[in-house]
């Protein structure tokens, strides 16, 4: 990679992720990271980001094998959210019995569904390397 292309790549990564850090690894550690990156088809930086996310309790990025199932679950959760919204609207419009406890419960469940859906969507984000490799 020529110097201009390398600077552009660093600038794009900095814009996308914000902060840059430099870490020293032993030869064995770096070889392990490179092996994981090659196996998963991602960059070493992405491997480190995934390890950090896992350590702080964020959901992992889904493998290619799991991605279709997670996308399907995300769509099903969207449908559940739509049904919850319809139930709350029906209560607000007087088409269904309105009970404050039930309404609060429906809103809380709807919020959880949306949160879970967003977490699943985050798991299916492809790395830049994987997106660029697609035809």
Protein backbone atom coordinates (compact mmCIF):
# COMPACT_ATOMS: atom_id res chain seq x y z
CA UNK A 1 0.00 0.00 0.00
CA UNK A 2 1.48 3.36 -0.97
CA UNK A 3 1.82 6.17 1.58
CA UNK A 4 -1.20 8.16 0.31
CA UNK A 5 -3.49 5.13 0.36
CA UNK A 6 -2.30 4.22 3.86
CA UNK A 7 -2.98 7.76 5.12
CA UNK A 8 -6.46 7.68 3.56
CA UNK A 9 -7.21 4.30 5.18
CA UNK A 10 -6.10 5.57 8.60
CA UNK A 11 -8.14 8.76 8.17
CA UNK A 12 -11.28 6.77 7.21
CA UNK A 13 -10.86 4.41 10.17
CA UNK A 14 -10.31 7.37 12.50
CA UNK A 15 -13.48 9.04 11.25
CA UNK A 16 -15.48 5.82 11.68
CA UNK A 17 -14.16 4.78 15.10
CA UNK A 18 -13.00 8.09 16.56
CA UNK A 19 -9.93 7.22 18.59
CA UNK A 20 -6.68 5.53 17.61
CA UNK A 21 -4.42 3.65 19.99
CA UNK A 22 -1.15 1.84 19.51
CA UNK A 23 -0.56 -1.48 21.27
CA UNK A 24 2.57 -3.58 21.46
CA UNK A 25 2.22 -7.36 21.15
CA UNK A 26 4.74 -10.15 21.37
CA UNK A 27 5.44 -12.01 18.15
CA UNK A 28 3.33 -14.95 19.38
CA UNK A 29 0.42 -12.71 20.40
CA UNK A 30 0.45 -10.90 17.06
CA UNK A 31 0.65 -14.20 15.18
CA UNK A 32 -2.41 -15.41 17.12
CA UNK A 33 -4.31 -12.20 16.35
CA UNK A 34 -3.41 -12.46 12.66
CA UNK A 35 -4.53 -16.10 12.62
CA UNK A 36 -7.89 -15.17 14.13
CA UNK A 37 -8.26 -12.28 11.68
CA UNK A 38 -7.49 -14.51 8.71
CA UNK A 39 -9.87 -17.21 9.94
CA UNK A 40 -12.71 -14.71 10.38
CA UNK A 41 -11.89 -12.64 7.29
CA UNK A 42 -11.44 -9.41 9.24
CA UNK A 43 -8.60 -7.07 10.16
CA UNK A 44 -6.45 -7.42 13.27
CA UNK A 45 -8.02 -4.17 14.48
CA UNK A 46 -11.48 -5.73 14.18
CA UNK A 47 -10.32 -8.76 16.19
CA UNK A 48 -9.10 -6.45 18.97
CA UNK A 49 -12.36 -4.45 18.88
CA UNK A 50 -14.36 -7.68 19.17
CA UNK A 51 -12.27 -8.85 22.12
CA UNK A 52 -12.80 -5.52 23.86
CA UNK A 53 -16.55 -5.58 23.16
CA UNK A 54 -16.76 -9.11 24.56
CA UNK A 55 -14.82 -8.13 27.68
CA UNK A 56 -17.10 -5.16 28.46
CA UNK A 57 -20.24 -7.20 27.91
CA UNK A 58 -21.38 -6.07 24.46
CA UNK A 59 -22.93 -8.65 22.20
CA UNK A 60 -20.50 -10.25 19.73
CA UNK A 61 -20.59 -9.72 15.99
CA UNK A 62 -22.37 -12.67 14.40
CA UNK A 63 -20.54 -15.12 12.19
CA UNK A 64 -21.61 -15.53 8.57
CA UNK A 65 -23.33 -18.79 9.53
CA UNK A 66 -25.45 -17.08 12.21
CA UNK A 67 -26.14 -13.85 10.33
CA UNK A 68 -29.28 -15.08 8.42
CA UNK A 69 -30.89 -16.41 11.63
CA UNK A 70 -30.19 -13.17 13.47
CA UNK A 71 -31.54 -11.08 10.60
CA UNK A 72 -34.70 -13.23 10.70
CA UNK A 73 -35.03 -12.77 14.48
CA UNK A 74 -34.58 -9.03 14.04
CA UNK A 75 -37.43 -8.95 11.54
CA UNK A 76 -39.66 -11.01 13.83
CA UNK A 77 -38.93 -8.60 16.70
CA UNK A 78 -39.88 -5.70 14.43
CA UNK A 79 -43.23 -7.39 13.82
CA UNK A 80 -43.76 -7.93 17.55
CA UNK A 81 -43.01 -4.23 18.10
CA UNK A 82 -45.61 -3.31 15.49
CA UNK A 83 -48.19 -5.47 17.28
CA UNK A 84 -47.39 -3.83 20.61
CA UNK A 85 -47.77 -0.39 19.07
CA UNK A 86 -51.14 -1.40 17.63
CA UNK A 87 -52.32 -2.66 21.03
CA UNK A 88 -51.31 0.57 22.75
CA UNK A 89 -52.97 2.67 20.01
CA UNK A 90 -56.17 0.64 20.35
CA UNK A 91 -56.18 1.34 24.07
CA UNK A 92 -55.51 5.04 23.50
CA UNK A 93 -58.27 5.26 20.87
CA UNK A 94 -60.80 3.53 23.15
CA UNK A 95 -61.06 0.42 20.98
CA UNK A 96 -59.72 -1.71 23.84
CA UNK A 97 -60.13 -1.52 27.59
CA UNK A 98 -57.60 0.89 29.00
CA UNK A 99 -55.78 -0.10 32.11
CA UNK A 100 -52.77 1.93 33.19
CA UNK A 101 -50.89 -1.14 34.46
CA UNK A 102 -51.42 -2.99 31.18
CA UNK A 103 -50.47 0.07 29.17
CA UNK A 104 -47.24 0.56 31.14
CA UNK A 105 -46.43 -3.13 30.73
CA UNK A 106 -47.03 -2.99 26.97
CA UNK A 107 -44.84 0.09 26.62
CA UNK A 108 -42.09 -1.54 28.72
CA UNK A 109 -42.20 -4.73 26.66
CA UNK A 110 -42.17 -2.69 23.46
CA UNK A 111 -39.09 -0.83 24.68
CA UNK A 112 -37.36 -4.13 25.46
CA UNK A 113 -38.24 -5.51 22.04
CA UNK A 114 -36.78 -2.41 20.36
CA UNK A 115 -33.63 -2.62 22.50
CA UNK A 116 -33.14 -6.32 21.73
CA UNK A 117 -33.76 -5.68 18.04
CA UNK A 118 -31.09 -2.95 18.00
CA UNK A 119 -28.64 -5.27 19.74
CA UNK A 120 -29.31 -8.00 17.19
CA UNK A 121 -28.86 -5.51 14.34
CA UNK A 122 -25.51 -4.49 15.86
CA UNK A 123 -24.43 -8.13 15.84
CA UNK A 124 -25.02 -8.37 12.09
CA UNK A 125 -22.89 -5.40 11.07
CA UNK A 126 -20.25 -6.63 8.66
CA UNK A 127 -16.67 -5.53 8.92
CA UNK A 128 -15.33 -3.22 6.24
CA UNK A 129 -13.06 -6.00 4.97
CA UNK A 130 -16.02 -8.37 4.51
CA UNK A 131 -18.10 -5.69 2.75
CA UNK A 132 -15.26 -4.85 0.38
CA UNK A 133 -14.67 -8.52 -0.42
CA UNK A 134 -18.23 -8.98 -1.70
CA UNK A 135 -18.66 -8.79 -5.48
